[in-house]
Amino acid sequence: MSTHAHTQRETKKMSKEIKIGNGQSILVRDADYAHAASFKWYAVSQRDGGVIARRSMTEKEVAENGGVRRTVLAAQFVHGVPQDTILDFIDGDGTNLLPENIRILTVRQQSVRDRGLRSLASIGALR
């Protein structure tokens, strides 16, 4: 068995799914499961056809945020990064929140990535 296949199998064993509606679920590490599963997450369709999970802030979070309500994105919540942090899903699956599938991007990196995706879409390479 290849090291990659072995690693994927081990990762799957150490992860759990949380239902987010519309027949969708997010995949998180066992260590993140209890905290993330204590909230009601909702599936949100993206323009590219993908899905991400979000929830509303709790009253306590609103108070801590100066009374301002914001949407909480599951990926940012699970990885403990500020809401203005840009996360990229390496495999393109916004429901795979495992650490090996997430990378933090700068605004410039996101712009370059998005420009490249738009170019591929314009020539019909993304369908």
Protein backbone atom coordinates (compact mmCIF):
# COMPACT_ATOMS: atom_id res chain seq x y z
CA MET A 1 0.00 0.00 0.00
CA SER A 2 1.30 3.45 -0.88
CA THR A 3 2.11 5.94 1.86
CA HIS A 4 -0.51 8.34 0.42
CA ALA A 5 -3.28 5.72 0.55
CA HIS A 6 -2.23 4.75 4.08
CA THR A 7 -2.32 8.42 5.17
CA GLN A 8 -5.78 8.93 3.64
CA ARG A 9 -7.13 5.86 5.42
CA GLU A 10 -5.65 7.00 8.77
CA THR A 11 -7.11 10.50 8.28
CA LYS A 12 -10.57 9.09 7.57
CA LYS A 13 -10.37 7.04 10.78
CA MET A 14 -9.56 10.18 12.77
CA SER A 15 -12.40 12.29 11.35
CA LYS A 16 -16.15 12.63 11.76
CA GLU A 17 -19.02 14.11 9.78
CA ILE A 18 -21.43 16.79 10.98
CA LYS A 19 -24.73 17.10 9.10
CA ILE A 20 -25.38 20.58 7.67
CA GLY A 21 -28.64 20.06 5.78
CA ASN A 22 -29.60 19.40 2.17
CA GLY A 23 -28.05 15.95 2.50
CA GLN A 24 -24.63 17.54 3.04
CA SER A 25 -22.12 17.20 5.85
CA ILE A 26 -18.77 18.67 6.84
CA LEU A 27 -15.76 16.54 7.65
CA VAL A 28 -13.77 17.51 10.76
CA ARG A 29 -11.02 15.97 12.87
CA ASP A 30 -12.14 13.94 15.89
CA ALA A 31 -10.49 16.60 18.09
CA ASP A 32 -12.72 19.34 16.59
CA TYR A 33 -15.94 17.32 16.48
CA ALA A 34 -17.48 17.94 19.92
CA HIS A 35 -17.07 21.72 19.78
CA ALA A 36 -18.18 22.09 16.13
CA ALA A 37 -21.09 19.66 16.51
CA SER A 38 -22.51 21.71 19.39
CA PHE A 39 -23.78 24.26 16.83
CA LYS A 40 -26.44 24.08 14.09
CA TRP A 41 -24.68 24.53 10.73
CA TYR A 42 -26.38 25.30 7.42
CA ALA A 43 -25.33 24.31 3.90
CA VAL A 44 -24.73 27.28 1.60
CA SER A 45 -24.37 26.83 -2.16
CA GLN A 46 -21.53 28.74 -3.79
CA ARG A 47 -21.42 30.28 -7.28
CA ASP A 48 -18.98 27.59 -8.40
CA GLY A 49 -21.45 24.85 -7.44
CA GLY A 50 -19.62 23.96 -4.24
CA VAL A 51 -21.02 23.98 -0.72
CA ILE A 52 -19.76 25.51 2.52
CA ALA A 53 -21.23 25.53 6.02
CA ARG A 54 -22.18 28.56 8.08
CA ARG A 55 -24.15 29.48 11.18
CA SER A 56 -25.38 32.58 12.97
CA MET A 57 -23.49 33.96 15.94
CA THR A 58 -24.71 33.09 19.42
CA GLU A 59 -25.89 35.97 21.63
CA LYS A 60 -22.64 35.66 23.60
CA GLU A 61 -20.58 35.96 20.39
CA VAL A 62 -22.63 39.00 19.31
CA ALA A 63 -21.95 40.68 22.67
CA GLU A 64 -18.22 39.87 22.34
CA ASN A 65 -18.30 41.37 18.83
CA GLY A 66 -19.58 44.74 20.06
CA GLY A 67 -23.21 43.94 19.27
CA VAL A 68 -22.51 43.29 15.59
CA ARG A 69 -24.00 40.09 14.13
CA ARG A 70 -21.91 38.21 11.60
CA THR A 71 -22.10 34.88 9.89
CA VAL A 72 -19.68 32.27 11.22
CA LEU A 73 -18.09 30.10 8.55
CA ALA A 74 -17.37 26.54 9.66
CA ALA A 75 -13.86 26.41 8.18
CA GLN A 76 -12.74 29.57 10.01
CA PHE A 77 -14.44 28.41 13.22
CA VAL A 78 -12.90 24.92 13.18
CA HIS A 79 -9.43 26.26 12.44
CA GLY A 80 -9.67 29.12 14.94
CA VAL A 81 -8.76 31.88 12.52
CA PRO A 82 -10.25 35.40 12.36
CA GLN A 83 -13.27 35.92 10.10
CA ASP A 84 -11.31 38.05 7.65
CA THR A 85 -8.85 35.21 7.02
CA ILE A 86 -9.00 33.76 3.50
CA LEU A 87 -8.99 29.98 3.50
CA ASP A 88 -8.50 27.84 0.42
CA PHE A 89 -9.74 24.26 0.16
CA ILE A 90 -6.90 22.42 -1.54
CA ASP A 91 -9.15 19.68 -2.97
CA GLY A 92 -11.83 22.24 -3.91
CA ASP A 93 -14.32 20.71 -1.43
CA GLY A 94 -15.61 23.35 0.99
CA THR A 95 -17.03 20.64 3.25
CA ASN A 96 -13.64 18.97 3.85
CA LEU A 97 -12.37 20.88 6.90
CA LEU A 98 -9.47 18.58 7.68
CA PRO A 99 -6.25 20.53 8.32
CA GLU A 100 -4.41 18.95 5.39
CA ASN A 101 -7.08 20.35 3.04
CA ILE A 102 -6.86 23.97 4.26
CA ARG A 103 -4.34 26.64 3.44
CA ILE A 104 -4.38 30.31 4.39
CA LEU A 105 -4.12 32.72 1.47
CA THR A 106 -3.16 36.36 1.27
CA VAL A 107 -5.49 38.65 -0.67
CA ARG A 108 -2.93 38.68 -3.50
CA GLN A 109 -2.74 34.86 -3.63
CA GLN A 110 -6.54 34.64 -3.74
CA SER A 111 -6.67 37.17 -6.56
CA VAL A 112 -4.12 35.23 -8.62
CA ARG A 113 -5.96 31.94 -7.96
CA ASP A 114 -9.35 33.41 -8.86
CA ARG A 115 -7.98 35.03 -12.03
CA GLY A 116 -6.59 31.66 -13.11
CA LEU A 117 -9.91 29.92 -12.45
CA ARG A 118 -11.80 32.57 -14.44
CA SER A 119 -9.38 32.07 -17.35
CA LEU A 120 -9.93 28.31 -17.31
CA ALA A 121 -13.71 28.80 -17.15
CA SER A 122 -13.64 31.22 -20.08
CA ILE A 123 -12.09 28.58 -22.34
CA GLY A 124 -14.51 25.90 -21.13
CA ALA A 125 -11.94 23.92 -19.12
CA LEU A 126 -14.07 24.01 -15.95
CA ARG A 127 -17.37 22.21 -16.45
